[in-house]
Amino acid sequence: MLKWILRFFYIMIISVATLYVYGSANYGRLEAYYAKYLANDLDNDTTYLNGINTLMNLAYYQETPVYQFQSDSETHHLKLSIHAIGITNKDVYYDGLMIFVNELEIYQDEALIEKPILQITAHLSDATYKSNNELIKSPSIIYDSTKEFPYSYAPTLFLVYAPDYLQIPDTETFSTIERIDVSYSDGTKGEDGKFVFDTNYLFTGSDHVIDENAYNKVSDLSLDASDFRLTQTYGEELSQDEIETLGLVTDRGSLKEFNGVIVKTMAIYTLIVLALTYILFFHKMVVEKIKEKRYSKQIATSEGPTEEAIFQDIEYKDENKK
């Protein structure tokens, strides 16, 4: 009985491990795609956002941003764009928005920061965004340009008109975005191992005057939910004419080129599982079978038929006997 319980837990562990390894392999595929097609095109909006459309499996993004800010600062330059997006999850369609930051040129002590770390934060009217099993009011992402995607994310923050994002629990209403902040770090980390961000925001924007210190500050960032909730006007099934009229990009690249990453990873994993399974459950049995065969062979050899002697004694007759 104990053996069967152990086998059951072993199967469960292998099943969970398989899902984890496959997920890691898929991340590897996304990383390979990003490295080849996007890593050097962050400032090319069309190429980069088409790639994000592929990696994030968006239904679409609107090519012309609903809002855009382009800094004229000589020392702390960035471009911030906010696009309408659509996603599908388990055959359910959701509207949303994407905050995208690029065209970075940040000087600190008169030296250009080659690979800045960004933190993009949206301040909501209500605690609706789920993070670590807790609803919060200020969702954020950290874009670490020294790491590969998807482990560093991308300089994009997605907010969706859906539960655990913008929808207020137990209601049909949604949070509104009251402010957007962008912070930067030169990669320095504190004693807690976290990045140390400049005390002044790289960008902060709202629809009213903000007191916080920032290198780039705007008070005209007013976002209307109707600009993003396209399904309320056009329905979930957009016609080709509506897609073209609204300037929606539905094209995606193909990840098939990088399926070999998954095949290679899963092949190695399968060999490891087979070897481990053999050692745990079959090795002892195989060794015992081999020992039994050897023992049987030895017994058969020791108890085999007696061979006739090649030379035998010759009996001579006594000539004196008659």
Protein backbone atom coordinates (compact mmCIF):
# COMPACT_ATOMS: atom_id res chain seq x y z
CA MET A 1 0.00 0.00 0.00
CA LEU A 2 2.83 2.38 0.90
CA LYS A 3 4.44 1.76 -2.48
CA TRP A 4 1.29 2.83 -4.30
CA ILE A 5 1.02 6.00 -2.18
CA LEU A 6 4.63 6.86 -2.99
CA ARG A 7 4.01 6.20 -6.68
CA PHE A 8 0.96 8.47 -6.62
CA PHE A 9 2.93 11.34 -5.07
CA TYR A 10 5.74 10.73 -7.53
CA ILE A 11 3.32 11.06 -10.46
CA MET A 12 1.88 14.26 -8.95
CA ILE A 13 5.36 15.76 -8.50
CA ILE A 14 6.34 14.85 -12.07
CA SER A 15 3.10 16.38 -13.40
CA VAL A 16 3.73 19.68 -11.60
CA ALA A 17 7.38 19.67 -12.65
CA THR A 18 6.37 19.05 -16.27
CA LEU A 19 4.12 22.12 -16.27
CA TYR A 20 6.89 24.19 -14.72
CA VAL A 21 9.53 22.99 -17.20
CA TYR A 22 7.20 23.57 -20.15
CA GLY A 23 6.46 27.08 -18.88
CA SER A 24 10.19 27.76 -18.56
CA ALA A 25 10.75 26.40 -22.07
CA ASN A 26 8.04 28.69 -23.41
CA TYR A 27 9.70 31.62 -21.63
CA GLY A 28 12.90 30.61 -23.38
CA ARG A 29 11.08 30.73 -26.71
CA LEU A 30 9.72 34.21 -25.96
CA GLU A 31 13.19 35.31 -24.89
CA ALA A 32 14.68 34.06 -28.17
CA TYR A 33 11.99 35.90 -30.18
CA TYR A 34 12.54 39.11 -28.21
CA ALA A 35 16.32 38.94 -28.58
CA LYS A 36 16.11 38.50 -32.37
CA TYR A 37 13.29 40.87 -33.29
CA LEU A 38 12.76 43.42 -30.51
CA ALA A 39 15.80 43.96 -28.31
CA ASN A 40 17.33 46.54 -30.65
CA ASP A 41 14.08 48.20 -31.74
CA LEU A 42 12.72 49.68 -28.52
CA ASP A 43 12.50 53.12 -30.13
CA ASN A 44 10.81 51.83 -33.28
CA ASP A 45 7.18 51.96 -32.12
CA THR A 46 5.72 49.94 -34.99
CA THR A 47 8.23 47.09 -34.78
CA TYR A 48 8.34 46.94 -30.99
CA LEU A 49 4.58 47.09 -30.42
CA ASN A 50 3.95 44.49 -33.12
CA GLY A 51 6.35 42.28 -31.19
CA ILE A 52 4.51 42.98 -27.94
CA ASN A 53 1.30 42.08 -29.75
CA THR A 54 2.91 38.69 -30.46
CA LEU A 55 4.51 38.05 -27.08
CA MET A 56 1.51 39.13 -25.02
CA ASN A 57 -1.00 37.54 -27.43
CA LEU A 58 -3.09 40.71 -27.61
CA ALA A 59 -6.20 40.81 -29.75
CA TYR A 60 -5.10 44.23 -30.98
CA TYR A 61 -3.55 47.54 -30.03
CA GLN A 62 -4.51 50.93 -31.41
CA GLU A 63 -1.63 52.32 -33.43
CA THR A 64 -2.36 55.98 -32.69
CA PRO A 65 -1.99 56.59 -28.95
CA VAL A 66 -4.86 58.10 -27.00
CA TYR A 67 -2.29 60.20 -25.16
CA GLN A 68 1.38 60.89 -25.80
CA PHE A 69 4.03 62.95 -24.08
CA GLN A 70 7.46 63.59 -25.57
CA SER A 71 10.01 65.27 -23.35
CA ASP A 72 12.16 68.15 -24.55
CA SER A 73 14.56 67.79 -21.62
CA GLU A 74 18.23 67.63 -22.63
CA THR A 75 19.19 65.52 -19.61
CA HIS A 76 16.11 63.41 -18.83
CA HIS A 77 14.35 62.54 -22.07
CA LEU A 78 11.55 60.00 -22.63
CA LYS A 79 8.42 59.40 -24.63
CA LEU A 80 5.29 58.10 -22.91
CA SER A 81 2.40 56.74 -24.98
CA ILE A 82 -0.95 55.31 -23.90
CA HIS A 83 -2.66 52.96 -26.36
CA ALA A 84 -6.04 51.22 -26.34
CA ILE A 85 -5.73 47.42 -26.39
CA GLY A 86 -7.97 44.38 -26.50
CA ILE A 87 -7.30 40.95 -25.03
CA THR A 88 -9.09 37.62 -24.83
CA ASN A 89 -8.95 35.34 -21.82
CA LYS A 90 -10.76 31.99 -21.85
CA ASP A 91 -12.86 33.18 -24.80
CA VAL A 92 -13.91 36.34 -22.93
CA TYR A 93 -13.02 39.66 -24.53
CA TYR A 94 -11.73 42.60 -22.47
CA ASP A 95 -10.83 46.19 -23.28
CA GLY A 96 -7.80 47.78 -21.74
CA LEU A 97 -4.92 50.18 -22.12
CA MET A 98 -1.15 49.96 -22.39
CA ILE A 99 1.29 52.54 -21.00
CA PHE A 100 4.47 52.41 -23.10
CA VAL A 101 7.74 54.24 -22.38
CA ASN A 102 10.65 54.49 -24.81
CA GLU A 103 13.12 56.95 -26.41
CA LEU A 104 15.08 57.12 -23.18
CA GLU A 105 18.09 59.40 -22.87
CA ILE A 106 19.02 59.97 -19.26
CA TYR A 107 22.16 61.74 -18.06
CA GLN A 108 23.34 61.52 -14.47
CA ASP A 109 26.39 63.55 -13.40
CA GLU A 110 26.81 64.44 -17.08
CA ALA A 111 27.20 60.77 -18.00
CA LEU A 112 24.67 58.86 -20.11
CA ILE A 113 23.05 55.90 -18.34
CA GLU A 114 23.44 53.13 -20.92
CA LYS A 115 20.91 50.70 -19.44
CA PRO A 116 18.52 52.51 -17.11
CA ILE A 117 16.05 50.67 -14.89
CA LEU A 118 12.48 51.96 -15.13
CA GLN A 119 9.52 51.72 -12.80
CA ILE A 120 6.14 52.57 -14.32
CA THR A 121 3.35 53.13 -11.79
CA ALA A 122 -0.34 53.94 -12.23
CA HIS A 123 -2.24 55.40 -9.29
CA LEU A 124 -5.89 54.26 -9.31
CA SER A 125 -8.97 55.71 -7.66
CA ASP A 126 -9.72 52.36 -5.98
CA ALA A 127 -7.79 49.29 -4.85
CA THR A 128 -8.68 46.94 -7.72
CA TYR A 129 -5.36 45.61 -9.06
CA LYS A 130 -4.45 42.18 -7.68
CA SER A 131 -0.82 41.72 -6.68
CA ASN A 132 0.40 38.91 -4.41
CA ASN A 133 -3.21 38.01 -3.54
CA GLU A 134 -3.89 41.57 -2.42
CA LEU A 135 -5.84 44.36 -4.12
CA ILE A 136 -3.74 47.50 -4.42
CA LYS A 137 -4.21 51.05 -5.75
CA SER A 138 -0.79 51.55 -7.34
CA PRO A 139 0.17 48.77 -9.76
CA SER A 140 3.65 49.01 -11.23
CA ILE A 141 6.22 47.13 -13.27
CA ILE A 142 10.01 47.34 -13.23
CA TYR A 143 11.75 47.21 -16.58
CA ASP A 144 15.33 46.02 -16.17
CA SER A 145 17.05 46.58 -19.49
CA THR A 146 20.05 44.52 -18.34
CA LYS A 147 17.98 41.33 -18.38
CA GLU A 148 16.29 39.39 -21.14
CA PHE A 149 12.55 39.41 -21.70
CA PRO A 150 10.28 38.11 -20.16
CA TYR A 151 12.21 38.13 -16.87
CA SER A 152 12.63 41.90 -17.08
CA TYR A 153 9.17 42.52 -18.55
CA ALA A 154 9.01 45.29 -21.15
CA PRO A 155 8.59 49.06 -20.58
CA THR A 156 4.82 48.57 -20.68
CA LEU A 157 2.12 48.53 -18.01
CA PHE A 158 -1.19 46.88 -18.93
CA LEU A 159 -4.48 47.81 -17.27
CA VAL A 160 -7.61 45.91 -18.25
CA TYR A 161 -11.30 46.57 -17.63
CA ALA A 162 -11.66 43.23 -15.90
CA PRO A 163 -11.70 41.70 -12.39
CA ASP A 164 -8.36 41.94 -10.56
CA TYR A 165 -7.33 44.84 -12.78
CA LEU A 166 -9.67 47.84 -12.94
CA GLN A 167 -13.06 46.40 -12.00
CA ILE A 168 -14.23 47.30 -8.49
CA PRO A 169 -15.17 44.03 -6.71
CA ASP A 170 -18.87 43.14 -6.62
CA THR A 171 -19.77 46.04 -8.91
CA GLU A 172 -19.96 46.82 -12.60
CA THR A 173 -17.87 49.97 -12.22
CA PHE A 174 -14.14 50.49 -12.69
CA SER A 175 -11.23 52.36 -11.21
CA THR A 176 -10.00 55.47 -12.96
CA ILE A 177 -6.36 56.39 -13.45
CA GLU A 178 -5.54 59.43 -11.36
CA ARG A 179 -1.81 59.69 -11.99
CA ILE A 180 1.07 58.00 -13.81
CA ASP A 181 4.66 58.06 -12.56
CA VAL A 182 7.88 56.88 -14.19
CA SER A 183 10.99 56.53 -12.02
CA TYR A 184 14.51 55.59 -13.05
CA SER A 185 17.60 54.01 -11.52
CA ASP A 186 21.16 53.68 -12.77
CA GLY A 187 21.19 50.10 -11.49
CA THR A 188 22.42 50.84 -7.97
CA LYS A 189 20.88 48.59 -5.32
CA GLY A 190 20.33 49.23 -1.62
CA GLU A 191 21.04 46.94 1.32
CA ASP A 192 17.69 45.22 0.74
CA GLY A 193 18.82 44.22 -2.76
CA LYS A 194 16.25 46.47 -4.45
CA PHE A 195 17.00 49.17 -7.00
CA VAL A 196 17.52 52.69 -5.69
CA PHE A 197 15.44 55.10 -7.79
CA ASP A 198 16.13 58.79 -8.21
CA THR A 199 14.27 60.95 -5.72
CA ASN A 200 12.86 63.00 -8.60
CA TYR A 201 10.44 61.28 -10.95
CA LEU A 202 11.54 60.93 -14.55
CA PHE A 203 7.91 61.68 -15.41
CA THR A 204 4.73 62.34 -13.48
CA GLY A 205 1.39 63.21 -15.02
CA SER A 206 -2.19 63.84 -13.95
CA ASP A 207 -5.16 66.02 -14.83
CA HIS A 208 -4.21 68.50 -12.11
CA VAL A 209 -1.12 70.22 -10.76
CA ILE A 210 1.22 67.83 -8.91
CA ASP A 211 3.49 68.85 -6.04
CA GLU A 212 6.06 66.05 -6.41
CA ASN A 213 9.48 66.82 -7.89
CA ALA A 214 9.94 65.54 -11.43
CA TYR A 215 12.17 66.17 -14.40
CA ASN A 216 9.08 65.97 -16.63
CA LYS A 217 5.70 66.99 -15.26
CA VAL A 218 2.31 67.44 -16.94
CA SER A 219 -1.14 68.40 -15.68
CA ASP A 220 -3.07 67.64 -18.88
CA LEU A 221 -3.14 63.85 -18.58
CA SER A 222 -6.89 63.29 -18.68
CA LEU A 223 -8.00 59.80 -19.70
CA ASP A 224 -11.56 59.02 -20.75
CA ALA A 225 -12.57 55.37 -20.35
CA SER A 226 -14.68 55.59 -23.54
CA ASP A 227 -11.45 55.98 -25.53
CA PHE A 228 -10.40 52.52 -24.41
CA ARG A 229 -13.67 50.62 -24.04
CA LEU A 230 -14.24 50.12 -27.73
CA THR A 231 -16.56 47.14 -27.29
CA GLN A 232 -19.17 49.39 -25.69
CA THR A 233 -19.46 51.22 -28.99
CA TYR A 234 -18.60 48.59 -31.59
CA GLY A 235 -19.23 45.24 -29.85
CA GLU A 236 -16.80 42.39 -29.36
CA GLU A 237 -16.82 41.26 -33.00
CA LEU A 238 -15.13 44.11 -34.86
CA SER A 239 -15.53 44.09 -38.63
CA GLN A 240 -12.51 44.52 -40.88
CA ASP A 241 -13.78 47.99 -41.82
CA GLU A 242 -14.02 48.96 -38.13
CA ILE A 243 -10.53 47.60 -37.46
CA GLU A 244 -9.13 49.69 -40.30
CA THR A 245 -11.16 52.80 -39.38
CA LEU A 246 -10.04 52.64 -35.74
CA GLY A 247 -6.43 51.99 -36.72
CA LEU A 248 -6.21 48.71 -34.80
CA VAL A 249 -3.20 46.48 -35.31
CA THR A 250 -4.14 42.80 -35.16
CA ASP A 251 -1.06 41.39 -36.88
CA ARG A 252 1.19 39.03 -34.93
CA GLY A 253 4.52 37.49 -35.70
CA SER A 254 5.11 33.74 -35.60
CA LEU A 255 6.83 31.95 -32.75
CA LYS A 256 7.16 28.69 -34.71
CA GLU A 257 10.72 29.60 -35.62
CA PHE A 258 11.66 29.13 -31.98
CA ASN A 259 9.69 25.95 -31.21
CA GLY A 260 13.02 24.14 -31.18
CA VAL A 261 13.71 25.73 -27.78
CA ILE A 262 10.69 23.93 -26.34
CA VAL A 263 11.47 20.64 -28.14
CA LYS A 264 15.08 20.62 -26.91
CA THR A 265 14.14 21.48 -23.33
CA MET A 266 11.35 18.91 -23.13
CA ALA A 267 13.53 16.21 -24.72
CA ILE A 268 16.24 16.72 -22.08
CA TYR A 269 13.60 16.80 -19.34
CA THR A 270 12.02 13.56 -20.63
CA LEU A 271 15.38 11.78 -20.56
CA ILE A 272 15.96 12.95 -16.98
CA VAL A 273 12.49 11.76 -15.90
CA LEU A 274 12.98 8.38 -17.57
CA ALA A 275 16.37 7.93 -15.91
CA LEU A 276 14.99 8.95 -12.50
CA THR A 277 11.96 6.67 -12.89
CA TYR A 278 14.22 3.76 -13.83
CA ILE A 279 16.48 4.31 -10.81
CA LEU A 280 13.59 4.67 -8.35
CA PHE A 281 11.30 1.90 -9.59
CA PHE A 282 13.05 -0.49 -11.97
CA HIS A 283 16.78 -0.57 -11.25
CA LYS A 284 16.49 -2.88 -8.23
CA MET A 285 14.17 -5.22 -10.12
CA VAL A 286 16.50 -5.36 -13.14
CA VAL A 287 19.55 -6.05 -10.93
CA GLU A 288 17.71 -8.89 -9.18
CA LYS A 289 16.69 -10.41 -12.52
CA ILE A 290 20.31 -10.28 -13.71
CA LYS A 291 21.50 -11.91 -10.49
CA GLU A 292 18.86 -14.66 -10.83
CA LYS A 293 19.99 -15.42 -14.39
CA ARG A 294 23.63 -15.57 -13.36
CA TYR A 295 22.83 -17.83 -10.40
CA SER A 296 20.73 -20.15 -12.57
CA LYS A 297 23.56 -20.37 -15.08
CA GLN A 298 26.07 -21.22 -12.34
CA ILE A 299 23.80 -23.95 -10.97
CA ALA A 300 23.28 -25.39 -14.42
CA THR A 301 27.03 -25.51 -14.96
CA SER A 302 27.84 -27.20 -11.63
CA GLU A 303 25.11 -29.83 -11.97
CA GLY A 304 25.61 -30.66 -15.63
CA PRO A 305 26.25 -34.25 -17.08
CA THR A 306 29.59 -35.99 -16.27
CA GLU A 307 31.86 -36.14 -19.27
CA GLU A 308 33.47 -39.51 -20.26
CA ALA A 309 37.19 -39.68 -19.71
CA ILE A 310 39.15 -39.57 -22.89
CA PHE A 311 41.53 -42.30 -21.66
CA GLN A 312 40.08 -45.28 -19.84
CA ASP A 313 41.78 -48.21 -18.03
CA ILE A 314 41.98 -51.36 -20.17
CA GLU A 315 41.15 -54.61 -18.46
CA TYR A 316 43.45 -57.49 -19.54
CA LYS A 317 42.25 -61.14 -19.34
CA ASP A 318 44.24 -63.54 -17.11
CA GLU A 319 45.79 -66.03 -19.54
CA ASN A 320 46.25 -68.62 -16.77
CA LYS A 321 42.52 -68.88 -16.35
CA LYS A 322 40.71 -71.29 -18.52
